[in-house]
Amino acid sequence: MTNRRKKLVIPIAKQFDFNLAGVIAAQSLLEQRHAAGKLIVLKNR
């Protein structure tokens, strides 16, 4: 039996800084239609 691994690909629409302004910007974009993909808030950017 062969062990085949598939890669998981997650499209990222936009990245935001981990601060109040970044969270507010991400939330506002979430409420709108945005490009396909996840909105990511990064702590160490």
Protein backbone atom coordinates (compact mmCIF):
# COMPACT_ATOMS: atom_id res chain seq x y z
CA MET A 1 0.00 0.00 0.00
CA THR A 2 1.39 3.45 -0.89
CA ASN A 3 1.13 6.45 1.39
CA ARG A 4 0.06 9.44 -0.68
CA ARG A 5 -0.08 12.85 0.89
CA LYS A 6 -2.06 15.70 -0.58
CA LYS A 7 -1.18 19.30 0.11
CA LEU A 8 -3.78 21.54 1.66
CA VAL A 9 -3.96 24.91 -0.08
CA ILE A 10 -5.74 27.77 1.68
CA PRO A 11 -6.03 31.02 -0.29
CA ILE A 12 -5.32 34.13 1.77
CA ALA A 13 -7.23 37.24 0.68
CA LYS A 14 -5.44 39.70 2.98
CA GLN A 15 -3.21 39.85 6.06
CA PHE A 16 -3.60 42.33 8.91
CA ASP A 17 -1.45 43.39 11.87
CA PHE A 18 -2.40 42.10 15.32
CA ASN A 19 -3.54 45.40 16.82
CA LEU A 20 -6.78 47.31 17.20
CA ALA A 21 -6.53 48.98 13.78
CA GLY A 22 -5.82 45.64 12.08
CA VAL A 23 -8.76 43.91 13.76
CA ILE A 24 -11.12 46.79 12.90
CA ALA A 25 -9.96 46.74 9.26
CA ALA A 26 -10.38 42.96 9.04
CA GLN A 27 -13.85 43.11 10.59
CA SER A 28 -14.96 45.83 8.20
CA LEU A 29 -13.70 43.82 5.22
CA LEU A 30 -15.43 40.71 6.58
CA GLU A 31 -18.76 42.52 6.53
CA GLN A 32 -18.29 43.32 2.83
CA ARG A 33 -17.76 41.08 -0.14
CA HIS A 34 -14.04 40.49 -0.41
CA ALA A 35 -11.73 38.47 -2.62
CA ALA A 36 -11.91 34.72 -2.22
CA GLY A 37 -9.73 33.53 0.62
CA LYS A 38 -9.23 33.89 4.33
CA LEU A 39 -8.59 37.11 6.22
CA ILE A 40 -5.60 36.57 8.51
CA VAL A 41 -4.59 38.62 11.56
CA LEU A 42 -0.90 38.02 12.30
CA LYS A 43 0.67 38.59 15.70
CA ASN A 44 4.32 38.59 14.58
CA ARG A 45 4.40 40.28 11.24
